[in-house]
Amino acid sequence: MQRVCGKEGCKCTRGELHPSLYLAIRVGEKRKMIHIPQALEVTARQWVATYQESWQLMEKISQACLERFFKDKERGKRG
């Protein structure tokens, strides 16, 4: 996202906004935007990458469990 810093005479007051990083999270049913300070951008990006990797692994595990369930269910019908 882009933002205005508020400093008098800064280029952002003329429309050249500063890029900034935000993290979108859900709190209950609402979505919340959290500003990430520049000093924590690398860390925040690593956290997001780790979350995404974990989510993908959970999806693979869920799919494997579902496939195993259907195989066991089919064996139960035959046996």
PDB file of N, CA and C in Angstrom:
ATOM      1  N   MET A   1       0.847  -1.171   0.000  1.00  0.00           N
ATOM      2  CA  MET A   1       0.000   0.000   0.000  1.00  0.00           C
ATOM      3  C   MET A   1       0.893   1.234   0.000  1.00  0.00           C
ATOM      4  N   GLN A   2       0.290   2.343  -0.320  1.00  0.00           N
ATOM      5  CA  GLN A   2       1.039   3.585  -0.298  1.00  0.00           C
ATOM      6  C   GLN A   2       0.427   4.525   0.731  1.00  0.00           C
ATOM      7  N   ARG A   3       1.277   5.378   1.304  1.00  0.00           N
ATOM      8  CA  ARG A   3       0.791   6.239   2.377  1.00  0.00           C
ATOM      9  C   ARG A   3       1.482   7.590   2.356  1.00  0.00           C
ATOM     10  N   VAL A   4       0.929   8.507   3.142  1.00  0.00           N
ATOM     11  CA  VAL A   4       1.504   9.837   3.360  1.00  0.00           C
ATOM     12  C   VAL A   4       2.205   9.803   4.712  1.00  0.00           C
ATOM     13  N   CYS A   5       3.435  10.333   4.764  1.00  0.00           N
ATOM     14  CA  CYS A   5       4.173  10.309   6.038  1.00  0.00           C
ATOM     15  C   CYS A   5       3.768  11.451   6.958  1.00  0.00           C
ATOM     16  N   GLY A   6       3.310  12.552   6.374  1.00  0.00           N
ATOM     17  CA  GLY A   6       2.876  13.677   7.192  1.00  0.00           C
ATOM     18  C   GLY A   6       3.929  14.751   7.417  1.00  0.00           C
ATOM     19  N   LYS A   7       5.137  14.527   6.918  1.00  0.00           N
ATOM     20  CA  LYS A   7       6.182  15.535   7.088  1.00  0.00           C
ATOM     21  C   LYS A   7       5.915  16.702   6.144  1.00  0.00           C
ATOM     22  N   GLU A   8       6.031  17.895   6.677  1.00  0.00           N
ATOM     23  CA  GLU A   8       5.795  19.106   5.892  1.00  0.00           C
ATOM     24  C   GLU A   8       6.822  19.212   4.760  1.00  0.00           C
ATOM     25  N   GLY A   9       6.361  19.475   3.543  1.00  0.00           N
ATOM     26  CA  GLY A   9       7.248  19.644   2.403  1.00  0.00           C
ATOM     27  C   GLY A   9       7.702  18.348   1.753  1.00  0.00           C
ATOM     28  N   CYS A  10       7.289  17.196   2.270  1.00  0.00           N
ATOM     29  CA  CYS A  10       7.683  15.916   1.689  1.00  0.00           C
ATOM     30  C   CYS A  10       6.983  15.716   0.345  1.00  0.00           C
ATOM     31  N   LYS A  11       7.606  14.932  -0.517  1.00  0.00           N
ATOM     32  CA  LYS A  11       7.030  14.665  -1.834  1.00  0.00           C
ATOM     33  C   LYS A  11       5.659  13.993  -1.735  1.00  0.00           C
ATOM     34  N   CYS A  12       5.397  13.307  -0.630  1.00  0.00           N
ATOM     35  CA  CYS A  12       4.108  12.623  -0.488  1.00  0.00           C
ATOM     36  C   CYS A  12       2.946  13.614  -0.343  1.00  0.00           C
ATOM     37  N   THR A  13       3.240  14.810   0.106  1.00  0.00           N
ATOM     38  CA  THR A  13       2.174  15.817   0.206  1.00  0.00           C
ATOM     39  C   THR A  13       1.767  16.322  -1.176  1.00  0.00           C
ATOM     40  N   ARG A  14       2.620  16.050  -2.167  1.00  0.00           N
ATOM     41  CA  ARG A  14       2.317  16.435  -3.556  1.00  0.00           C
ATOM     42  C   ARG A  14       1.790  15.246  -4.360  1.00  0.00           C
ATOM     43  N   GLY A  15       1.537  14.135  -3.693  1.00  0.00           N
ATOM     44  CA  GLY A  15       0.947  12.983  -4.373  1.00  0.00           C
ATOM     45  C   GLY A  15       1.884  11.817  -4.621  1.00  0.00           C
ATOM     46  N   GLU A  16       3.186  11.974  -4.398  1.00  0.00           N
ATOM     47  CA  GLU A  16       4.141  10.878  -4.574  1.00  0.00           C
ATOM     48  C   GLU A  16       4.214  10.091  -3.261  1.00  0.00           C
ATOM     49  N   LEU A  17       3.320   9.156  -3.099  1.00  0.00           N
ATOM     50  CA  LEU A  17       3.183   8.443  -1.830  1.00  0.00           C
ATOM     51  C   LEU A  17       4.329   7.471  -1.579  1.00  0.00           C
ATOM     52  N   HIS A  18       4.555   7.171  -0.311  1.00  0.00           N
ATOM     53  CA  HIS A  18       5.586   6.224   0.111  1.00  0.00           C
ATOM     54  C   HIS A  18       5.018   4.802   0.100  1.00  0.00           C
ATOM     55  N   PRO A  19       5.773   3.848  -0.453  1.00  0.00           N
ATOM     56  CA  PRO A  19       5.317   2.454  -0.370  1.00  0.00           C
ATOM     57  C   PRO A  19       5.470   1.955   1.067  1.00  0.00           C
ATOM     58  N   SER A  20       4.523   1.166   1.519  1.00  0.00           N
ATOM     59  CA  SER A  20       4.620   0.580   2.859  1.00  0.00           C
ATOM     60  C   SER A  20       3.996  -0.807   2.840  1.00  0.00           C
ATOM     61  N   LEU A  21       4.423  -1.628   3.768  1.00  0.00           N
ATOM     62  CA  LEU A  21       3.986  -3.017   3.825  1.00  0.00           C
ATOM     63  C   LEU A  21       2.962  -3.192   4.934  1.00  0.00           C
ATOM     64  N   TYR A  22       1.876  -3.896   4.626  1.00  0.00           N
ATOM     65  CA  TYR A  22       0.835  -4.197   5.596  1.00  0.00           C
ATOM     66  C   TYR A  22       0.564  -5.684   5.589  1.00  0.00           C
ATOM     67  N   LEU A  23       0.148  -6.193   6.715  1.00  0.00           N
ATOM     68  CA  LEU A  23      -0.251  -7.581   6.841  1.00  0.00           C
ATOM     69  C   LEU A  23      -1.749  -7.606   7.089  1.00  0.00           C
ATOM     70  N   ALA A  24      -2.472  -8.337   6.258  1.00  0.00           N
ATOM     71  CA  ALA A  24      -3.923  -8.457   6.418  1.00  0.00           C
ATOM     72  C   ALA A  24      -4.211  -9.735   7.193  1.00  0.00           C
ATOM     73  N   ILE A  25      -4.922  -9.604   8.314  1.00  0.00           N
ATOM     74  CA  ILE A  25      -5.285 -10.770   9.119  1.00  0.00           C
ATOM     75  C   ILE A  25      -6.780 -10.718   9.421  1.00  0.00           C
ATOM     76  N   ARG A  26      -7.326 -11.862   9.795  1.00  0.00           N
ATOM     77  CA  ARG A  26      -8.726 -11.925  10.207  1.00  0.00           C
ATOM     78  C   ARG A  26      -8.781 -12.015  11.725  1.00  0.00           C
ATOM     79  N   VAL A  27      -9.624 -11.196  12.296  1.00  0.00           N
ATOM     80  CA  VAL A  27      -9.889 -11.233  13.733  1.00  0.00           C
ATOM     81  C   VAL A  27     -11.384 -11.481  13.844  1.00  0.00           C
ATOM     82  N   GLY A  28     -11.747 -12.725  14.146  1.00  0.00           N
ATOM     83  CA  GLY A  28     -13.160 -13.084  14.113  1.00  0.00           C
ATOM     84  C   GLY A  28     -13.637 -13.018  12.670  1.00  0.00           C
ATOM     85  N   GLU A  29     -14.665 -12.239  12.432  1.00  0.00           N
ATOM     86  CA  GLU A  29     -15.187 -12.086  11.071  1.00  0.00           C
ATOM     87  C   GLU A  29     -14.674 -10.828  10.388  1.00  0.00           C
ATOM     88  N   LYS A  30     -13.883 -10.043  11.098  1.00  0.00           N
ATOM     89  CA  LYS A  30     -13.378  -8.787  10.542  1.00  0.00           C
ATOM     90  C   LYS A  30     -11.956  -8.958  10.021  1.00  0.00           C
ATOM     91  N   ARG A  31     -11.631  -8.151   9.045  1.00  0.00           N
ATOM     92  CA  ARG A  31     -10.283  -8.126   8.499  1.00  0.00           C
ATOM     93  C   ARG A  31      -9.559  -6.918   9.078  1.00  0.00           C
ATOM     94  N   LYS A  32      -8.309  -7.127   9.471  1.00  0.00           N
ATOM     95  CA  LYS A  32      -7.531  -6.066  10.089  1.00  0.00           C
ATOM     96  C   LYS A  32      -6.223  -5.905   9.326  1.00  0.00           C
ATOM     97  N   MET A  33      -5.827  -4.662   9.095  1.00  0.00           N
ATOM     98  CA  MET A  33      -4.580  -4.358   8.409  1.00  0.00           C
ATOM     99  C   MET A  33      -3.571  -3.861   9.438  1.00  0.00           C
ATOM    100  N   ILE A  34      -2.417  -4.494   9.471  1.00  0.00           N
ATOM    101  CA  ILE A  34      -1.370  -4.133  10.417  1.00  0.00           C
ATOM    102  C   ILE A  34      -0.173  -3.608   9.634  1.00  0.00           C
ATOM    103  N   HIS A  35       0.263  -2.389   9.956  1.00  0.00           N
ATOM    104  CA  HIS A  35       1.434  -1.818   9.290  1.00  0.00           C
ATOM    105  C   HIS A  35       2.688  -2.533   9.774  1.00  0.00           C
ATOM    106  N   ILE A  36       3.556  -2.900   8.828  1.00  0.00           N
ATOM    107  CA  ILE A  36       4.826  -3.546   9.155  1.00  0.00           C
ATOM    108  C   ILE A  36       5.927  -2.489   9.013  1.00  0.00           C
ATOM    109  N   PRO A  37       6.614  -2.158  10.100  1.00  0.00           N
ATOM    110  CA  PRO A  37       7.707  -1.188  10.006  1.00  0.00           C
ATOM    111  C   PRO A  37       8.815  -1.714   9.081  1.00  0.00           C
ATOM    112  N   GLN A  38       9.509  -0.818   8.449  1.00  0.00           N
ATOM    113  CA  GLN A  38      10.555  -1.192   7.495  1.00  0.00           C
ATOM    114  C   GLN A  38      11.588  -2.131   8.129  1.00  0.00           C
ATOM    115  N   ALA A  39      11.897  -1.923   9.390  1.00  0.00           N
ATOM    116  CA  ALA A  39      12.891  -2.752  10.078  1.00  0.00           C
ATOM    117  C   ALA A  39      12.438  -4.207  10.223  1.00  0.00           C
ATOM    118  N   LEU A  40      11.137  -4.469  10.124  1.00  0.00           N
ATOM    119  CA  LEU A  40      10.608  -5.831  10.286  1.00  0.00           C
ATOM    120  C   LEU A  40      10.100  -6.444   8.985  1.00  0.00           C
ATOM    121  N   GLU A  41      10.316  -5.768   7.854  1.00  0.00           N
ATOM    122  CA  GLU A  41       9.788  -6.272   6.588  1.00  0.00           C
ATOM    123  C   GLU A  41      10.334  -7.649   6.226  1.00  0.00           C
ATOM    124  N   VAL A  42      11.638  -7.860   6.359  1.00  0.00           N
ATOM    125  CA  VAL A  42      12.239  -9.158   6.015  1.00  0.00           C
ATOM    126  C   VAL A  42      11.665 -10.247   6.912  1.00  0.00           C
ATOM    127  N   THR A  43      11.592  -9.970   8.200  1.00  0.00           N
ATOM    128  CA  THR A  43      11.046 -10.935   9.154  1.00  0.00           C
ATOM    129  C   THR A  43       9.592 -11.258   8.825  1.00  0.00           C
ATOM    130  N   ALA A  44       8.784 -10.244   8.555  1.00  0.00           N
ATOM    131  CA  ALA A  44       7.369 -10.449   8.242  1.00  0.00           C
ATOM    132  C   ALA A  44       7.213 -11.277   6.968  1.00  0.00           C
ATOM    133  N   ARG A  45       8.018 -11.005   5.964  1.00  0.00           N
ATOM    134  CA  ARG A  45       7.955 -11.782   4.717  1.00  0.00           C
ATOM    135  C   ARG A  45       8.324 -13.241   4.966  1.00  0.00           C
ATOM    136  N   GLN A  46       9.284 -13.487   5.857  1.00  0.00           N
ATOM    137  CA  GLN A  46       9.659 -14.859   6.207  1.00  0.00           C
ATOM    138  C   GLN A  46       8.503 -15.553   6.927  1.00  0.00           C
ATOM    139  N   TRP A  47       7.842 -14.840   7.831  1.00  0.00           N
ATOM    140  CA  TRP A  47       6.699 -15.415   8.539  1.00  0.00           C
ATOM    141  C   TRP A  47       5.590 -15.794   7.564  1.00  0.00           C
ATOM    142  N   VAL A  48       5.324 -14.916   6.614  1.00  0.00           N
ATOM    143  CA  VAL A  48       4.270 -15.190   5.627  1.00  0.00           C
ATOM    144  C   VAL A  48       4.656 -16.392   4.770  1.00  0.00           C
ATOM    145  N   ALA A  49       5.914 -16.474   4.351  1.00  0.00           N
ATOM    146  CA  ALA A  49       6.373 -17.609   3.542  1.00  0.00           C
ATOM    147  C   ALA A  49       6.256 -18.908   4.328  1.00  0.00           C
ATOM    148  N   THR A  50       6.617 -18.879   5.603  1.00  0.00           N
ATOM    149  CA  THR A  50       6.499 -20.069   6.451  1.00  0.00           C
ATOM    150  C   THR A  50       5.039 -20.477   6.608  1.00  0.00           C
ATOM    151  N   TYR A  51       4.153 -19.500   6.806  1.00  0.00           N
ATOM    152  CA  TYR A  51       2.721 -19.778   6.915  1.00  0.00           C
ATOM    153  C   TYR A  51       2.206 -20.424   5.634  1.00  0.00           C
ATOM    154  N   GLN A  52       2.578 -19.868   4.490  1.00  0.00           N
ATOM    155  CA  GLN A  52       2.099 -20.403   3.217  1.00  0.00           C
ATOM    156  C   GLN A  52       2.608 -21.820   2.983  1.00  0.00           C
ATOM    157  N   GLU A  53       3.855 -22.074   3.332  1.00  0.00           N
ATOM    158  CA  GLU A  53       4.419 -23.420   3.195  1.00  0.00           C
ATOM    159  C   GLU A  53       3.691 -24.396   4.115  1.00  0.00           C
ATOM    160  N   SER A  54       3.432 -23.986   5.346  1.00  0.00           N
ATOM    161  CA  SER A  54       2.702 -24.835   6.302  1.00  0.00           C
ATOM    162  C   SER A  54       1.298 -25.146   5.783  1.00  0.00           C
ATOM    163  N   TRP A  55       0.644 -24.136   5.238  1.00  0.00           N
ATOM    164  CA  TRP A  55      -0.714 -24.319   4.705  1.00  0.00           C
ATOM    165  C   TRP A  55      -0.698 -25.343   3.560  1.00  0.00           C
ATOM    166  N   GLN A  56       0.276 -25.231   2.672  1.00  0.00           N
ATOM    167  CA  GLN A  56       0.375 -26.166   1.553  1.00  0.00           C
ATOM    168  C   GLN A  56       0.625 -27.583   2.045  1.00  0.00           C
ATOM    169  N   LEU A  57       1.462 -27.737   3.049  1.00  0.00           N
ATOM    170  CA  LEU A  57       1.719 -29.066   3.617  1.00  0.00           C
ATOM    171  C   LEU A  57       0.465 -29.642   4.271  1.00  0.00           C
ATOM    172  N   MET A  58      -0.287 -28.804   4.971  1.00  0.00           N
ATOM    173  CA  MET A  58      -1.541 -29.265   5.577  1.00  0.00           C
ATOM    174  C   MET A  58      -2.538 -29.703   4.499  1.00  0.00           C
ATOM    175  N   GLU A  59      -2.572 -29.004   3.382  1.00  0.00           N
ATOM    176  CA  GLU A  59      -3.445 -29.387   2.269  1.00  0.00           C
ATOM    177  C   GLU A  59      -3.045 -30.755   1.723  1.00  0.00           C
ATOM    178  N   LYS A  60      -1.745 -31.009   1.581  1.00  0.00           N
ATOM    179  CA  LYS A  60      -1.267 -32.311   1.099  1.00  0.00           C
ATOM    180  C   LYS A  60      -1.641 -33.418   2.079  1.00  0.00           C
ATOM    181  N   ILE A  61      -1.464 -33.151   3.368  1.00  0.00           N
ATOM    182  CA  ILE A  61      -1.820 -34.139   4.389  1.00  0.00           C
ATOM    183  C   ILE A  61      -3.315 -34.420   4.361  1.00  0.00           C
ATOM    184  N   SER A  62      -4.124 -33.390   4.256  1.00  0.00           N
ATOM    185  CA  SER A  62      -5.576 -33.557   4.203  1.00  0.00           C
ATOM    186  C   SER A  62      -5.981 -34.378   2.987  1.00  0.00           C
ATOM    187  N   GLN A  63      -5.372 -34.107   1.850  1.00  0.00           N
ATOM    188  CA  GLN A  63      -5.689 -34.853   0.630  1.00  0.00           C
ATOM    189  C   GLN A  63      -5.301 -36.319   0.796  1.00  0.00           C
ATOM    190  N   ALA A  64      -4.128 -36.594   1.372  1.00  0.00           N
ATOM    191  CA  ALA A  64      -3.691 -37.977   1.586  1.00  0.00           C
ATOM    192  C   ALA A  64      -4.642 -38.702   2.539  1.00  0.00           C
ATOM    193  N   CYS A  65      -5.086 -38.019   3.581  1.00  0.00           N
ATOM    194  CA  CYS A  65      -6.035 -38.631   4.527  1.00  0.00           C
ATOM    195  C   CYS A  65      -7.366 -38.928   3.848  1.00  0.00           C
ATOM    196  N   LEU A  66      -7.821 -38.033   3.016  1.00  0.00           N
ATOM    197  CA  LEU A  66      -9.083 -38.236   2.303  1.00  0.00           C
ATOM    198  C   LEU A  66      -8.975 -39.430   1.353  1.00  0.00           C
ATOM    199  N   GLU A  67      -7.867 -39.517   0.621  1.00  0.00           N
ATOM    200  CA  GLU A  67      -7.658 -40.651  -0.280  1.00  0.00           C
ATOM    201  C   GLU A  67      -7.606 -41.958   0.500  1.00  0.00           C
ATOM    202  N   ARG A  68      -6.926 -41.959   1.628  1.00  0.00           N
ATOM    203  CA  ARG A  68      -6.854 -43.166   2.465  1.00  0.00           C
ATOM    204  C   ARG A  68      -8.231 -43.551   2.981  1.00  0.00           C
ATOM    205  N   PHE A  69      -9.024 -42.559   3.374  1.00  0.00           N
ATOM    206  CA  PHE A  69     -10.380 -42.816   3.850  1.00  0.00           C
ATOM    207  C   PHE A  69     -11.201 -43.510   2.778  1.00  0.00           C
ATOM    208  N   PHE A  70     -11.167 -42.998   1.547  1.00  0.00           N
ATOM    209  CA  PHE A  70     -11.955 -43.590   0.470  1.00  0.00           C
ATOM    210  C   PHE A  70     -11.477 -44.996   0.124  1.00  0.00           C
ATOM    211  N   LYS A  71     -10.158 -45.230   0.180  1.00  0.00           N
ATOM    212  CA  LYS A  71      -9.630 -46.583  -0.060  1.00  0.00           C
ATOM    213  C   LYS A  71     -10.129 -47.543   1.026  1.00  0.00           C
ATOM    214  N   ASP A  72     -10.047 -47.123   2.283  1.00  0.00           N
ATOM    215  CA  ASP A  72     -10.522 -47.965   3.387  1.00  0.00           C
ATOM    216  C   ASP A  72     -12.028 -48.205   3.297  1.00  0.00           C
ATOM    217  N   LYS A  73     -12.746 -47.193   2.888  1.00  0.00           N
ATOM    218  CA  LYS A  73     -14.200 -47.317   2.749  1.00  0.00           C
ATOM    219  C   LYS A  73     -14.537 -48.328   1.646  1.00  0.00           C
ATOM    220  N   GLU A  74     -13.813 -48.256   0.543  1.00  0.00           N
ATOM    221  CA  GLU A  74     -14.045 -49.186  -0.566  1.00  0.00           C
ATOM    222  C   GLU A  74     -13.687 -50.618  -0.160  1.00  0.00           C
ATOM    223  N   ARG A  75     -12.611 -50.790   0.593  1.00  0.00           N
ATOM    224  CA  ARG A  75     -12.227 -52.129   1.080  1.00  0.00           C
ATOM    225  C   ARG A  75     -13.305 -52.684   2.012  1.00  0.00           C
ATOM    226  N   GLY A  76     -13.889 -51.826   2.804  1.00  0.00           N
ATOM    227  CA  GLY A  76     -14.945 -52.249   3.733  1.00  0.00           C
ATOM    228  C   GLY A  76     -16.192 -52.758   3.002  1.00  0.00           C
ATOM    229  N   LYS A  77     -16.490 -52.192   1.862  1.00  0.00           N
ATOM    230  CA  LYS A  77     -17.650 -52.633   1.061  1.00  0.00           C
ATOM    231  C   LYS A  77     -17.385 -54.014   0.465  1.00  0.00           C
ATOM    232  N   ARG A  78     -16.133 -54.289   0.105  1.00  0.00           N
ATOM    233  CA  ARG A  78     -15.803 -55.557  -0.532  1.00  0.00           C
ATOM    234  C   ARG A  78     -15.640 -56.690   0.479  1.00  0.00           C
ATOM    235  N   GLY A  79     -15.227 -56.337   1.681  1.00  0.00           N
ATOM    236  CA  GLY A  79     -14.822 -57.388   2.583  1.00  0.00           C
ATOM    237  C   GLY A  79     -15.786 -57.731   3.618  1.00  0.00           C
TER     238      GLY A  79
END
